[in-house]
Amino acid sequence: MNKQEILQRLNLNYCDIKSLIEDSGWGELIKKSESGEEMRSHVGDILHYLSELMGCVEEEI
């Protein structure tokens, strides 16, 4: 897999996670879960680190 393909794969993962948290099912899960705030925080961390990782990969292209 070349650098561009890696970046594309990371971007797809980012977009998939982003669409997941915009889904009403995710909102309901967060509301009903005792650990909803923790889940929200973790998914935010994932998006943040994926974004940072994509930036690092972009620098190598």
PDB file of N, CA and C in Angstrom:
ATOM      1  N   MET A   1       0.861  -1.161   0.000  1.00  0.00           N
ATOM      2  CA  MET A   1       0.000   0.000   0.000  1.00  0.00           C
ATOM      3  C   MET A   1       0.916   1.236   0.000  1.00  0.00           C
ATOM      4  N   ASN A   2       0.674   2.147  -0.916  1.00  0.00           N
ATOM      5  CA  ASN A   2       1.504   3.350  -0.955  1.00  0.00           C
ATOM      6  C   ASN A   2       0.934   4.414  -0.009  1.00  0.00           C
ATOM      7  N   LYS A   3       1.674   5.511   0.126  1.00  0.00           N
ATOM      8  CA  LYS A   3       1.287   6.562   1.087  1.00  0.00           C
ATOM      9  C   LYS A   3      -0.078   7.158   0.774  1.00  0.00           C
ATOM     10  N   GLN A   4      -0.369   7.349  -0.494  1.00  0.00           N
ATOM     11  CA  GLN A   4      -1.660   7.915  -0.889  1.00  0.00           C
ATOM     12  C   GLN A   4      -2.806   6.965  -0.512  1.00  0.00           C
ATOM     13  N   GLU A   5      -2.595   5.673  -0.709  1.00  0.00           N
ATOM     14  CA  GLU A   5      -3.619   4.682  -0.346  1.00  0.00           C
ATOM     15  C   GLU A   5      -3.823   4.645   1.167  1.00  0.00           C
ATOM     16  N   ILE A   6      -2.741   4.788   1.912  1.00  0.00           N
ATOM     17  CA  ILE A   6      -2.849   4.823   3.376  1.00  0.00           C
ATOM     18  C   ILE A   6      -3.675   6.020   3.804  1.00  0.00           C
ATOM     19  N   LEU A   7      -3.385   7.178   3.212  1.00  0.00           N
ATOM     20  CA  LEU A   7      -4.132   8.384   3.536  1.00  0.00           C
ATOM     21  C   LEU A   7      -5.613   8.230   3.178  1.00  0.00           C
ATOM     22  N   GLN A   8      -5.891   7.642   2.038  1.00  0.00           N
ATOM     23  CA  GLN A   8      -7.284   7.424   1.638  1.00  0.00           C
ATOM     24  C   GLN A   8      -8.003   6.506   2.615  1.00  0.00           C
ATOM     25  N   ARG A   9      -7.329   5.453   3.053  1.00  0.00           N
ATOM     26  CA  ARG A   9      -7.932   4.513   4.007  1.00  0.00           C
ATOM     27  C   ARG A   9      -8.218   5.208   5.335  1.00  0.00           C
ATOM     28  N   LEU A  10      -7.259   6.002   5.797  1.00  0.00           N
ATOM     29  CA  LEU A  10      -7.473   6.740   7.045  1.00  0.00           C
ATOM     30  C   LEU A  10      -8.631   7.717   6.913  1.00  0.00           C
ATOM     31  N   ASN A  11      -8.707   8.388   5.779  1.00  0.00           N
ATOM     32  CA  ASN A  11      -9.793   9.335   5.542  1.00  0.00           C
ATOM     33  C   ASN A  11     -11.145   8.629   5.515  1.00  0.00           C
ATOM     34  N   LEU A  12     -11.198   7.460   4.907  1.00  0.00           N
ATOM     35  CA  LEU A  12     -12.447   6.696   4.898  1.00  0.00           C
ATOM     36  C   LEU A  12     -12.865   6.320   6.316  1.00  0.00           C
ATOM     37  N   ASN A  13     -11.898   5.908   7.123  1.00  0.00           N
ATOM     38  CA  ASN A  13     -12.203   5.580   8.514  1.00  0.00           C
ATOM     39  C   ASN A  13     -12.722   6.796   9.258  1.00  0.00           C
ATOM     40  N   TYR A  14     -12.091   7.936   9.034  1.00  0.00           N
ATOM     41  CA  TYR A  14     -12.519   9.177   9.668  1.00  0.00           C
ATOM     42  C   TYR A  14     -13.967   9.495   9.275  1.00  0.00           C
ATOM     43  N   CYS A  15     -14.242   9.411   7.989  1.00  0.00           N
ATOM     44  CA  CYS A  15     -15.597   9.706   7.491  1.00  0.00           C
ATOM     45  C   CYS A  15     -16.625   8.719   8.027  1.00  0.00           C
ATOM     46  N   ASP A  16     -16.255   7.455   8.121  1.00  0.00           N
ATOM     47  CA  ASP A  16     -17.172   6.445   8.660  1.00  0.00           C
ATOM     48  C   ASP A  16     -17.511   6.737  10.117  1.00  0.00           C
ATOM     49  N   ILE A  17     -16.508   7.069  10.906  1.00  0.00           N
ATOM     50  CA  ILE A  17     -16.744   7.364  12.319  1.00  0.00           C
ATOM     51  C   ILE A  17     -17.563   8.643  12.453  1.00  0.00           C
ATOM     52  N   LYS A  18     -17.249   9.624  11.650  1.00  0.00           N
ATOM     53  CA  LYS A  18     -17.991  10.888  11.674  1.00  0.00           C
ATOM     54  C   LYS A  18     -19.473  10.658  11.346  1.00  0.00           C
ATOM     55  N   SER A  19     -19.751   9.839  10.342  1.00  0.00           N
ATOM     56  CA  SER A  19     -21.153   9.573   9.988  1.00  0.00           C
ATOM     57  C   SER A  19     -21.845   8.752  11.073  1.00  0.00           C
ATOM     58  N   LEU A  20     -21.103   7.893  11.743  1.00  0.00           N
ATOM     59  CA  LEU A  20     -21.661   7.115  12.842  1.00  0.00           C
ATOM     60  C   LEU A  20     -22.148   8.029  13.956  1.00  0.00           C
ATOM     61  N   ILE A  21     -21.337   9.005  14.333  1.00  0.00           N
ATOM     62  CA  ILE A  21     -21.728   9.857  15.462  1.00  0.00           C
ATOM     63  C   ILE A  21     -22.783  10.889  15.068  1.00  0.00           C
ATOM     64  N   GLU A  22     -23.002  11.070  13.782  1.00  0.00           N
ATOM     65  CA  GLU A  22     -24.080  11.955  13.332  1.00  0.00           C
ATOM     66  C   GLU A  22     -25.403  11.211  13.199  1.00  0.00           C
ATOM     67  N   ASP A  23     -25.371   9.904  13.353  1.00  0.00           N
ATOM     68  CA  ASP A  23     -26.561   9.072  13.234  1.00  0.00           C
ATOM     69  C   ASP A  23     -27.412   9.172  14.501  1.00  0.00           C
ATOM     70  N   SER A  24     -28.708   9.151  14.332  1.00  0.00           N
ATOM     71  CA  SER A  24     -29.608   9.259  15.485  1.00  0.00           C
ATOM     72  C   SER A  24     -29.457   8.073  16.437  1.00  0.00           C
ATOM     73  N   GLY A  25     -29.106   6.913  15.910  1.00  0.00           N
ATOM     74  CA  GLY A  25     -28.895   5.743  16.769  1.00  0.00           C
ATOM     75  C   GLY A  25     -27.765   5.961  17.764  1.00  0.00           C
ATOM     76  N   TRP A  26     -26.725   6.649  17.309  1.00  0.00           N
ATOM     77  CA  TRP A  26     -25.607   6.961  18.204  1.00  0.00           C
ATOM     78  C   TRP A  26     -26.080   7.913  19.308  1.00  0.00           C
ATOM     79  N   GLY A  27     -26.854   8.898  18.925  1.00  0.00           N
ATOM     80  CA  GLY A  27     -27.378   9.837  19.908  1.00  0.00           C
ATOM     81  C   GLY A  27     -28.223   9.147  20.968  1.00  0.00           C
ATOM     82  N   GLU A  28     -29.041   8.222  20.536  1.00  0.00           N
ATOM     83  CA  GLU A  28     -29.869   7.467  21.484  1.00  0.00           C
ATOM     84  C   GLU A  28     -29.005   6.603  22.401  1.00  0.00           C
ATOM     85  N   LEU A  29     -27.992   5.986  21.848  1.00  0.00           N
ATOM     86  CA  LEU A  29     -27.088   5.161  22.648  1.00  0.00           C
ATOM     87  C   LEU A  29     -26.406   6.007  23.716  1.00  0.00           C
ATOM     88  N   ILE A  30     -25.939   7.174  23.342  1.00  0.00           N
ATOM     89  CA  ILE A  30     -25.276   8.078  24.281  1.00  0.00           C
ATOM     90  C   ILE A  30     -26.235   8.495  25.396  1.00  0.00           C
ATOM     91  N   LYS A  31     -27.472   8.828  25.028  1.00  0.00           N
ATOM     92  CA  LYS A  31     -28.453   9.268  26.016  1.00  0.00           C
ATOM     93  C   LYS A  31     -28.796   8.171  27.015  1.00  0.00           C
ATOM     94  N   LYS A  32     -28.882   6.932  26.539  1.00  0.00           N
ATOM     95  CA  LYS A  32     -29.331   5.825  27.381  1.00  0.00           C
ATOM     96  C   LYS A  32     -28.201   5.179  28.182  1.00  0.00           C
ATOM     97  N   SER A  33     -26.993   5.423  27.790  1.00  0.00           N
ATOM     98  CA  SER A  33     -25.863   4.749  28.424  1.00  0.00           C
ATOM     99  C   SER A  33     -25.354   5.515  29.642  1.00  0.00           C
ATOM    100  N   GLU A  34     -25.015   4.767  30.685  1.00  0.00           N
ATOM    101  CA  GLU A  34     -24.408   5.380  31.859  1.00  0.00           C
ATOM    102  C   GLU A  34     -23.032   5.941  31.531  1.00  0.00           C
ATOM    103  N   SER A  35     -22.376   5.361  30.538  1.00  0.00           N
ATOM    104  CA  SER A  35     -21.038   5.819  30.160  1.00  0.00           C
ATOM    105  C   SER A  35     -21.076   6.652  28.875  1.00  0.00           C
ATOM    106  N   GLY A  36     -22.211   7.270  28.598  1.00  0.00           N
ATOM    107  CA  GLY A  36     -22.380   8.047  27.372  1.00  0.00           C
ATOM    108  C   GLY A  36     -21.361   9.160  27.206  1.00  0.00           C
ATOM    109  N   GLU A  37     -21.093   9.881  28.278  1.00  0.00           N
ATOM    110  CA  GLU A  37     -20.117  10.975  28.186  1.00  0.00           C
ATOM    111  C   GLU A  37     -18.718  10.434  27.918  1.00  0.00           C
ATOM    112  N   GLU A  38     -18.406   9.310  28.523  1.00  0.00           N
ATOM    113  CA  GLU A  38     -17.104   8.686  28.280  1.00  0.00           C
ATOM    114  C   GLU A  38     -16.995   8.220  26.827  1.00  0.00           C
ATOM    115  N   MET A  39     -18.072   7.634  26.315  1.00  0.00           N
ATOM    116  CA  MET A  39     -18.080   7.190  24.915  1.00  0.00           C
ATOM    117  C   MET A  39     -17.901   8.382  23.987  1.00  0.00           C
ATOM    118  N   ARG A  40     -18.603   9.460  24.270  1.00  0.00           N
ATOM    119  CA  ARG A  40     -18.491  10.678  23.458  1.00  0.00           C
ATOM    120  C   ARG A  40     -17.059  11.200  23.477  1.00  0.00           C
ATOM    121  N   SER A  41     -16.452  11.173  24.642  1.00  0.00           N
ATOM    122  CA  SER A  41     -15.070  11.643  24.779  1.00  0.00           C
ATOM    123  C   SER A  41     -14.100  10.761  23.988  1.00  0.00           C
ATOM    124  N   HIS A  42     -14.272   9.452  24.091  1.00  0.00           N
ATOM    125  CA  HIS A  42     -13.375   8.528  23.388  1.00  0.00           C
ATOM    126  C   HIS A  42     -13.486   8.665  21.877  1.00  0.00           C
ATOM    127  N   VAL A  43     -14.691   8.784  21.378  1.00  0.00           N
ATOM    128  CA  VAL A  43     -14.845   8.909  19.926  1.00  0.00           C
ATOM    129  C   VAL A  43     -14.284  10.251  19.457  1.00  0.00           C
ATOM    130  N   GLY A  44     -14.401  11.267  20.278  1.00  0.00           N
ATOM    131  CA  GLY A  44     -13.773  12.547  19.955  1.00  0.00           C
ATOM    132  C   GLY A  44     -12.257  12.420  19.886  1.00  0.00           C
ATOM    133  N   ASP A  45     -11.700  11.659  20.836  1.00  0.00           N
ATOM    134  CA  ASP A  45     -10.252  11.409  20.830  1.00  0.00           C
ATOM    135  C   ASP A  45      -9.833  10.664  19.565  1.00  0.00           C
ATOM    136  N   ILE A  46     -10.629   9.675  19.184  1.00  0.00           N
ATOM    137  CA  ILE A  46     -10.319   8.889  17.979  1.00  0.00           C
ATOM    138  C   ILE A  46     -10.266   9.802  16.759  1.00  0.00           C
ATOM    139  N   LEU A  47     -11.278  10.652  16.606  1.00  0.00           N
ATOM    140  CA  LEU A  47     -11.303  11.564  15.460  1.00  0.00           C
ATOM    141  C   LEU A  47     -10.115  12.521  15.496  1.00  0.00           C
ATOM    142  N   HIS A  48      -9.796  13.005  16.678  1.00  0.00           N
ATOM    143  CA  HIS A  48      -8.662  13.914  16.816  1.00  0.00           C
ATOM    144  C   HIS A  48      -7.359  13.229  16.389  1.00  0.00           C
ATOM    145  N   TYR A  49      -7.124  12.031  16.907  1.00  0.00           N
ATOM    146  CA  TYR A  49      -5.871  11.342  16.592  1.00  0.00           C
ATOM    147  C   TYR A  49      -5.817  10.876  15.143  1.00  0.00           C
ATOM    148  N   LEU A  50      -6.941  10.480  14.580  1.00  0.00           N
ATOM    149  CA  LEU A  50      -6.959  10.138  13.159  1.00  0.00           C
ATOM    150  C   LEU A  50      -6.607  11.355  12.306  1.00  0.00           C
ATOM    151  N   SER A  51      -7.145  12.505  12.690  1.00  0.00           N
ATOM    152  CA  SER A  51      -6.845  13.738  11.974  1.00  0.00           C
ATOM    153  C   SER A  51      -5.357  14.071  12.067  1.00  0.00           C
ATOM    154  N   GLU A  52      -4.796  13.953  13.259  1.00  0.00           N
ATOM    155  CA  GLU A  52      -3.370  14.203  13.443  1.00  0.00           C
ATOM    156  C   GLU A  52      -2.532  13.231  12.621  1.00  0.00           C
ATOM    157  N   LEU A  53      -2.926  11.975  12.611  1.00  0.00           N
ATOM    158  CA  LEU A  53      -2.215  10.953  11.851  1.00  0.00           C
ATOM    159  C   LEU A  53      -2.270  11.259  10.355  1.00  0.00           C
ATOM    160  N   MET A  54      -3.435  11.658   9.865  1.00  0.00           N
ATOM    161  CA  MET A  54      -3.555  12.000   8.451  1.00  0.00           C
ATOM    162  C   MET A  54      -2.650  13.178   8.100  1.00  0.00           C
ATOM    163  N   GLY A  55      -2.542  14.135   9.004  1.00  0.00           N
ATOM    164  CA  GLY A  55      -1.642  15.257   8.777  1.00  0.00           C
ATOM    165  C   GLY A  55      -0.201  14.802   8.657  1.00  0.00           C
ATOM    166  N   CYS A  56       0.207  13.872   9.486  1.00  0.00           N
ATOM    167  CA  CYS A  56       1.570  13.346   9.423  1.00  0.00           C
ATOM    168  C   CYS A  56       1.809  12.606   8.109  1.00  0.00           C
ATOM    169  N   VAL A  57       0.833  11.819   7.692  1.00  0.00           N
ATOM    170  CA  VAL A  57       0.972  11.077   6.434  1.00  0.00           C
ATOM    171  C   VAL A  57       1.025  12.054   5.262  1.00  0.00           C
ATOM    172  N   GLU A  58       0.199  13.098   5.292  1.00  0.00           N
ATOM    173  CA  GLU A  58       0.202  14.101   4.224  1.00  0.00           C
ATOM    174  C   GLU A  58       1.574  14.756   4.066  1.00  0.00           C
ATOM    175  N   GLU A  59       2.249  14.959   5.186  1.00  0.00           N
ATOM    176  CA  GLU A  59       3.578  15.561   5.134  1.00  0.00           C
ATOM    177  C   GLU A  59       4.571  14.682   4.379  1.00  0.00           C
ATOM    178  N   GLU A  60       4.316  13.391   4.355  1.00  0.00           N
ATOM    179  CA  GLU A  60       5.211  12.443   3.690  1.00  0.00           C
ATOM    180  C   GLU A  60       4.907  12.267   2.220  1.00  0.00           C
ATOM    181  N   ILE A  61       3.792  12.812   1.760  1.00  0.00           N
ATOM    182  CA  ILE A  61       3.402  12.634   0.353  1.00  0.00           C
ATOM    183  C   ILE A  61       4.029  13.715  -0.499  1.00  0.00           C
TER     184      ILE A  61
END
